[in-house]
């Protein structure tokens, strides 16, 4: 999470009291990146009795999402975690510099589901060097997951991604 807990809580309280908002979607791609901040946010949500539900994005390295952390996150209102898996083959995950193996991701998604939080798994296809076999491996992996929903998109060079760095260096892409 890139904002202070205090500022997020103030905004949540405003949305709840003034606009009667009952559900929030945290779109910060680094939301679970600092689990101590997430735990603090959850504890303040519970202490302030905000009575909201919310979704968030599971940061690429989900090793900090322990069973205890996930139970607190659920208790504080989280009903869905969106997980950017990107590629379902370890070869492609390594090539695009993603953290964790498919086995790590499978076990983490199983844990998230066991705690009672829904999961959306996001995949991208069309990376440079990706073969039909790699794409089939991603689809096979996606359907092996206990995810509630999954989404496939064409690989897009978002700012700060390895794909954009690759395209800039290989093809002299300016943007």
C-alpha atoms as a PDB file:
ATOM      1  CA  UNK A   1       0.000   0.000   0.000  1.00  0.00           C
ATOM      2  CA  UNK A   2       1.482   3.321  -1.009  1.00  0.00           C
ATOM      3  CA  UNK A   3      -0.629   5.638   1.204  1.00  0.00           C
ATOM      4  CA  UNK A   4      -0.651   6.056   4.937  1.00  0.00           C
ATOM      5  CA  UNK A   5      -3.172   4.017   6.892  1.00  0.00           C
ATOM      6  CA  UNK A   6      -4.508   7.214   8.455  1.00  0.00           C
ATOM      7  CA  UNK A   7      -5.304   8.811   5.073  1.00  0.00           C
ATOM      8  CA  UNK A   8      -6.952   5.623   3.787  1.00  0.00           C
ATOM      9  CA  UNK A   9      -9.094   5.320   6.921  1.00  0.00           C
ATOM     10  CA  UNK A  10     -10.166   8.987   6.672  1.00  0.00           C
ATOM     11  CA  UNK A  11     -11.227   8.429   3.084  1.00  0.00           C
ATOM     12  CA  UNK A  12     -13.047   5.185   3.922  1.00  0.00           C
ATOM     13  CA  UNK A  13     -14.923   6.877   6.769  1.00  0.00           C
ATOM     14  CA  UNK A  14     -15.928   9.735   4.462  1.00  0.00           C
ATOM     15  CA  UNK A  15     -17.134   7.332   1.778  1.00  0.00           C
ATOM     16  CA  UNK A  16     -19.073   5.296   4.341  1.00  0.00           C
ATOM     17  CA  UNK A  17     -20.699   8.173   6.243  1.00  0.00           C
ATOM     18  CA  UNK A  18     -21.309  10.701   3.479  1.00  0.00           C
ATOM     19  CA  UNK A  19     -22.014   8.424   0.514  1.00  0.00           C
ATOM     20  CA  UNK A  20     -23.045   5.159   2.209  1.00  0.00           C
ATOM     21  CA  UNK A  21     -20.411   3.206   0.277  1.00  0.00           C
ATOM     22  CA  UNK A  22     -20.403  -0.418   1.359  1.00  0.00           C
ATOM     23  CA  UNK A  23     -17.701  -1.879  -0.898  1.00  0.00           C
ATOM     24  CA  UNK A  24     -14.241  -0.629  -1.866  1.00  0.00           C
ATOM     25  CA  UNK A  25     -11.776  -1.905  -4.443  1.00  0.00           C
ATOM     26  CA  UNK A  26      -8.141  -1.184  -3.599  1.00  0.00           C
ATOM     27  CA  UNK A  27      -6.399  -0.987  -6.981  1.00  0.00           C
ATOM     28  CA  UNK A  28      -2.906  -0.359  -5.639  1.00  0.00           C
ATOM     29  CA  UNK A  29      -0.778  -3.081  -7.269  1.00  0.00           C
ATOM     30  CA  UNK A  30       1.488  -3.041  -4.225  1.00  0.00           C
ATOM     31  CA  UNK A  31      -1.355  -3.294  -1.715  1.00  0.00           C
ATOM     32  CA  UNK A  32      -0.128  -6.475  -0.019  1.00  0.00           C
ATOM     33  CA  UNK A  33       3.533  -5.619  -0.568  1.00  0.00           C
ATOM     34  CA  UNK A  34       3.973  -4.469   3.044  1.00  0.00           C
ATOM     35  CA  UNK A  35       1.911  -6.863   5.131  1.00  0.00           C
ATOM     36  CA  UNK A  36       2.515  -4.933   8.363  1.00  0.00           C
ATOM     37  CA  UNK A  37       0.785  -1.886   6.880  1.00  0.00           C
ATOM     38  CA  UNK A  38      -2.071  -4.079   5.620  1.00  0.00           C
ATOM     39  CA  UNK A  39      -2.463  -5.593   9.107  1.00  0.00           C
ATOM     40  CA  UNK A  40      -2.521  -2.104  10.623  1.00  0.00           C
ATOM     41  CA  UNK A  41      -5.200  -1.038   8.137  1.00  0.00           C
ATOM     42  CA  UNK A  42      -7.277  -4.138   8.923  1.00  0.00           C
ATOM     43  CA  UNK A  43      -6.999  -3.567  12.656  1.00  0.00           C
ATOM     44  CA  UNK A  44      -8.121   0.061  12.312  1.00  0.00           C
ATOM     45  CA  UNK A  45     -11.038  -0.959  10.050  1.00  0.00           C
ATOM     46  CA  UNK A  46     -12.117  -3.429  12.746  1.00  0.00           C
ATOM     47  CA  UNK A  47     -11.520  -1.026  15.656  1.00  0.00           C
ATOM     48  CA  UNK A  48     -13.481   1.745  13.908  1.00  0.00           C
ATOM     49  CA  UNK A  49     -16.251  -0.718  12.969  1.00  0.00           C
ATOM     50  CA  UNK A  50     -16.332   0.519   9.379  1.00  0.00           C
ATOM     51  CA  UNK A  51     -18.500  -2.403   8.221  1.00  0.00           C
ATOM     52  CA  UNK A  52     -17.334  -2.424   4.593  1.00  0.00           C
ATOM     53  CA  UNK A  53     -16.318  -5.152   2.196  1.00  0.00           C
ATOM     54  CA  UNK A  54     -13.392  -4.806  -0.127  1.00  0.00           C
ATOM     55  CA  UNK A  55     -11.220  -6.362  -2.822  1.00  0.00           C
ATOM     56  CA  UNK A  56      -7.501  -5.875  -3.252  1.00  0.00           C
ATOM     57  CA  UNK A  57      -4.612  -6.873  -5.480  1.00  0.00           C
ATOM     58  CA  UNK A  58      -2.255  -9.534  -4.169  1.00  0.00           C
ATOM     59  CA  UNK A  59       1.227  -8.171  -4.697  1.00  0.00           C
ATOM     60  CA  UNK A  60       3.459 -10.274  -6.932  1.00  0.00           C
ATOM     61  CA  UNK A  61       5.372 -11.758  -3.987  1.00  0.00           C
ATOM     62  CA  UNK A  62       2.593 -13.171  -1.866  1.00  0.00           C
ATOM     63  CA  UNK A  63       4.840 -14.954   0.625  1.00  0.00           C
ATOM     64  CA  UNK A  64       3.788 -12.520   3.371  1.00  0.00           C
ATOM     65  CA  UNK A  65       0.160 -13.594   3.016  1.00  0.00           C
ATOM     66  CA  UNK A  66       0.264 -16.145   5.810  1.00  0.00           C
ATOM     67  CA  UNK A  67      -2.815 -17.920   7.100  1.00  0.00           C
ATOM     68  CA  UNK A  68      -2.988 -15.549  10.105  1.00  0.00           C
ATOM     69  CA  UNK A  69      -2.624 -12.483   7.883  1.00  0.00           C
ATOM     70  CA  UNK A  70      -5.315 -13.773   5.535  1.00  0.00           C
ATOM     71  CA  UNK A  71      -7.697 -14.456   8.426  1.00  0.00           C
ATOM     72  CA  UNK A  72      -7.264 -10.865   9.629  1.00  0.00           C
ATOM     73  CA  UNK A  73      -7.743  -9.529   6.092  1.00  0.00           C
ATOM     74  CA  UNK A  74     -10.968 -11.526   5.767  1.00  0.00           C
ATOM     75  CA  UNK A  75     -12.215 -10.425   9.195  1.00  0.00           C
ATOM     76  CA  UNK A  76     -11.643  -6.801   8.148  1.00  0.00           C
ATOM     77  CA  UNK A  77     -13.937  -7.249   5.158  1.00  0.00           C
ATOM     78  CA  UNK A  78     -11.831  -8.526   2.250  1.00  0.00           C
ATOM     79  CA  UNK A  79     -13.945 -10.742   0.025  1.00  0.00           C
ATOM     80  CA  UNK A  80     -11.694 -11.025  -3.054  1.00  0.00           C
ATOM     81  CA  UNK A  81      -7.995 -10.890  -3.866  1.00  0.00           C
ATOM     82  CA  UNK A  82      -6.976 -10.330  -7.470  1.00  0.00           C
ATOM     83  CA  UNK A  83      -3.790 -12.237  -8.254  1.00  0.00           C
ATOM     84  CA  UNK A  84      -1.602 -11.268 -11.228  1.00  0.00           C
ATOM     85  CA  UNK A  85      -0.157 -14.643 -12.167  1.00  0.00           C
ATOM     86  CA  UNK A  86       0.626 -13.475 -15.717  1.00  0.00           C
ATOM     87  CA  UNK A  87       2.142 -16.780 -16.935  1.00  0.00           C
ATOM     88  CA  UNK A  88       1.322 -20.344 -15.996  1.00  0.00           C
ATOM     89  CA  UNK A  89       4.623 -21.888 -17.000  1.00  0.00           C
ATOM     90  CA  UNK A  90       7.698 -21.600 -14.819  1.00  0.00           C
ATOM     91  CA  UNK A  91       9.842 -21.011 -17.915  1.00  0.00           C
ATOM     92  CA  UNK A  92       7.826 -17.938 -18.900  1.00  0.00           C
ATOM     93  CA  UNK A  93       7.550 -16.722 -15.301  1.00  0.00           C
ATOM     94  CA  UNK A  94      11.327 -16.777 -15.075  1.00  0.00           C
ATOM     95  CA  UNK A  95      11.698 -15.081 -18.456  1.00  0.00           C
ATOM     96  CA  UNK A  96       9.388 -12.203 -17.454  1.00  0.00           C
ATOM     97  CA  UNK A  97      10.987 -12.026 -14.002  1.00  0.00           C
ATOM     98  CA  UNK A  98       7.952 -12.943 -11.913  1.00  0.00           C
ATOM     99  CA  UNK A  99       8.394 -13.989  -8.294  1.00  0.00           C
ATOM    100  CA  UNK A 100       7.486 -17.548  -7.294  1.00  0.00           C
ATOM    101  CA  UNK A 101       6.828 -20.753  -9.127  1.00  0.00           C
ATOM    102  CA  UNK A 102       3.507 -22.068 -10.331  1.00  0.00           C
ATOM    103  CA  UNK A 103       3.624 -24.463  -7.366  1.00  0.00           C
ATOM    104  CA  UNK A 104       4.057 -21.547  -4.950  1.00  0.00           C
ATOM    105  CA  UNK A 105       1.121 -19.737  -6.542  1.00  0.00           C
ATOM    106  CA  UNK A 106      -1.095 -22.818  -6.507  1.00  0.00           C
ATOM    107  CA  UNK A 107      -0.480 -23.370  -2.794  1.00  0.00           C
ATOM    108  CA  UNK A 108      -1.063 -19.676  -1.965  1.00  0.00           C
ATOM    109  CA  UNK A 109      -4.328 -19.545  -3.901  1.00  0.00           C
ATOM    110  CA  UNK A 110      -5.473 -22.727  -2.130  1.00  0.00           C
ATOM    111  CA  UNK A 111      -4.697 -21.054   1.213  1.00  0.00           C
ATOM    112  CA  UNK A 112      -6.562 -17.871   0.269  1.00  0.00           C
ATOM    113  CA  UNK A 113      -9.591 -19.962  -0.700  1.00  0.00           C
ATOM    114  CA  UNK A 114      -9.380 -22.083   2.490  1.00  0.00           C
ATOM    115  CA  UNK A 115      -9.599 -18.885   4.561  1.00  0.00           C
ATOM    116  CA  UNK A 116     -12.772 -17.969   2.684  1.00  0.00           C
ATOM    117  CA  UNK A 117     -11.556 -15.188   0.397  1.00  0.00           C
ATOM    118  CA  UNK A 118     -12.392 -15.300  -3.304  1.00  0.00           C
ATOM    119  CA  UNK A 119      -9.666 -15.222  -5.952  1.00  0.00           C
ATOM    120  CA  UNK A 120      -9.503 -13.806  -9.449  1.00  0.00           C
ATOM    121  CA  UNK A 121      -6.437 -14.991 -11.369  1.00  0.00           C
ATOM    122  CA  UNK A 122      -5.091 -12.770 -14.129  1.00  0.00           C
ATOM    123  CA  UNK A 123      -2.995 -14.103 -17.006  1.00  0.00           C
ATOM    124  CA  UNK A 124      -1.331 -12.467 -19.991  1.00  0.00           C
ATOM    125  CA  UNK A 125      -0.485 -14.136 -23.258  1.00  0.00           C
ATOM    126  CA  UNK A 126       1.639 -12.928 -26.136  1.00  0.00           C
ATOM    127  CA  UNK A 127       4.954 -12.217 -24.445  1.00  0.00           C
ATOM    128  CA  UNK A 128       7.966 -12.105 -26.770  1.00  0.00           C
ATOM    129  CA  UNK A 129       9.336 -15.629 -27.069  1.00  0.00           C
ATOM    130  CA  UNK A 130       6.172 -17.255 -25.730  1.00  0.00           C
ATOM    131  CA  UNK A 131       5.268 -20.408 -27.659  1.00  0.00           C
ATOM    132  CA  UNK A 132       1.953 -22.149 -28.228  1.00  0.00           C
ATOM    133  CA  UNK A 133       3.066 -24.710 -25.655  1.00  0.00           C
ATOM    134  CA  UNK A 134       3.686 -21.929 -23.104  1.00  0.00           C
ATOM    135  CA  UNK A 135       0.200 -20.532 -23.746  1.00  0.00           C
ATOM    136  CA  UNK A 136      -1.354 -23.991 -23.415  1.00  0.00           C
ATOM    137  CA  UNK A 137       0.580 -24.483 -20.162  1.00  0.00           C
ATOM    138  CA  UNK A 138      -0.855 -21.191 -18.854  1.00  0.00           C
ATOM    139  CA  UNK A 139      -4.401 -22.207 -19.777  1.00  0.00           C
ATOM    140  CA  UNK A 140      -3.920 -25.660 -18.220  1.00  0.00           C
ATOM    141  CA  UNK A 141      -2.512 -24.083 -15.058  1.00  0.00           C
ATOM    142  CA  UNK A 142      -5.352 -21.543 -14.901  1.00  0.00           C
ATOM    143  CA  UNK A 143      -7.972 -24.277 -15.019  1.00  0.00           C
ATOM    144  CA  UNK A 144      -6.149 -26.293 -12.350  1.00  0.00           C
ATOM    145  CA  UNK A 145      -6.473 -23.433  -9.854  1.00  0.00           C
ATOM    146  CA  UNK A 146      -9.320 -23.175  -7.356  1.00  0.00           C
ATOM    147  CA  UNK A 147      -9.819 -19.552  -8.474  1.00  0.00           C
ATOM    148  CA  UNK A 148     -13.376 -18.212  -8.636  1.00  0.00           C
ATOM    149  CA  UNK A 149     -12.721 -16.342 -11.850  1.00  0.00           C
ATOM    150  CA  UNK A 150      -9.853 -15.929 -14.265  1.00  0.00           C
ATOM    151  CA  UNK A 151      -9.050 -13.387 -16.880  1.00  0.00           C
ATOM    152  CA  UNK A 152      -6.752 -13.632 -19.885  1.00  0.00           C
ATOM    153  CA  UNK A 153      -5.405 -10.562 -21.625  1.00  0.00           C
ATOM    154  CA  UNK A 154      -2.933  -9.831 -24.352  1.00  0.00           C
ATOM    155  CA  UNK A 155       0.440  -8.855 -22.878  1.00  0.00           C
ATOM    156  CA  UNK A 156       0.641  -5.071 -22.735  1.00  0.00           C
ATOM    157  CA  UNK A 157       3.754  -3.042 -21.972  1.00  0.00           C
ATOM    158  CA  UNK A 158       2.615  -1.126 -18.877  1.00  0.00           C
ATOM    159  CA  UNK A 159       5.043   1.484 -17.461  1.00  0.00           C
ATOM    160  CA  UNK A 160       7.666  -0.062 -15.204  1.00  0.00           C
ATOM    161  CA  UNK A 161       7.215  -3.607 -16.525  1.00  0.00           C
ATOM    162  CA  UNK A 162       9.875  -5.929 -17.860  1.00  0.00           C
ATOM    163  CA  UNK A 163       7.950  -6.111 -21.138  1.00  0.00           C
ATOM    164  CA  UNK A 164       8.257  -2.370 -21.702  1.00  0.00           C
ATOM    165  CA  UNK A 165      11.966  -2.462 -20.839  1.00  0.00           C
ATOM    166  CA  UNK A 166      12.438  -5.310 -23.305  1.00  0.00           C
ATOM    167  CA  UNK A 167      10.554  -3.531 -26.109  1.00  0.00           C
ATOM    168  CA  UNK A 168      12.481  -0.308 -25.514  1.00  0.00           C
ATOM    169  CA  UNK A 169      15.817  -2.076 -25.736  1.00  0.00           C
ATOM    170  CA  UNK A 170      14.997  -4.475 -28.590  1.00  0.00           C
ATOM    171  CA  UNK A 171      12.836  -2.247 -30.822  1.00  0.00           C
ATOM    172  CA  UNK A 172      13.748   1.239 -29.660  1.00  0.00           C
ATOM    173  CA  UNK A 173      10.196   1.894 -28.438  1.00  0.00           C
ATOM    174  CA  UNK A 174      10.049   5.479 -27.200  1.00  0.00           C
ATOM    175  CA  UNK A 175       6.932   5.486 -24.972  1.00  0.00           C
END
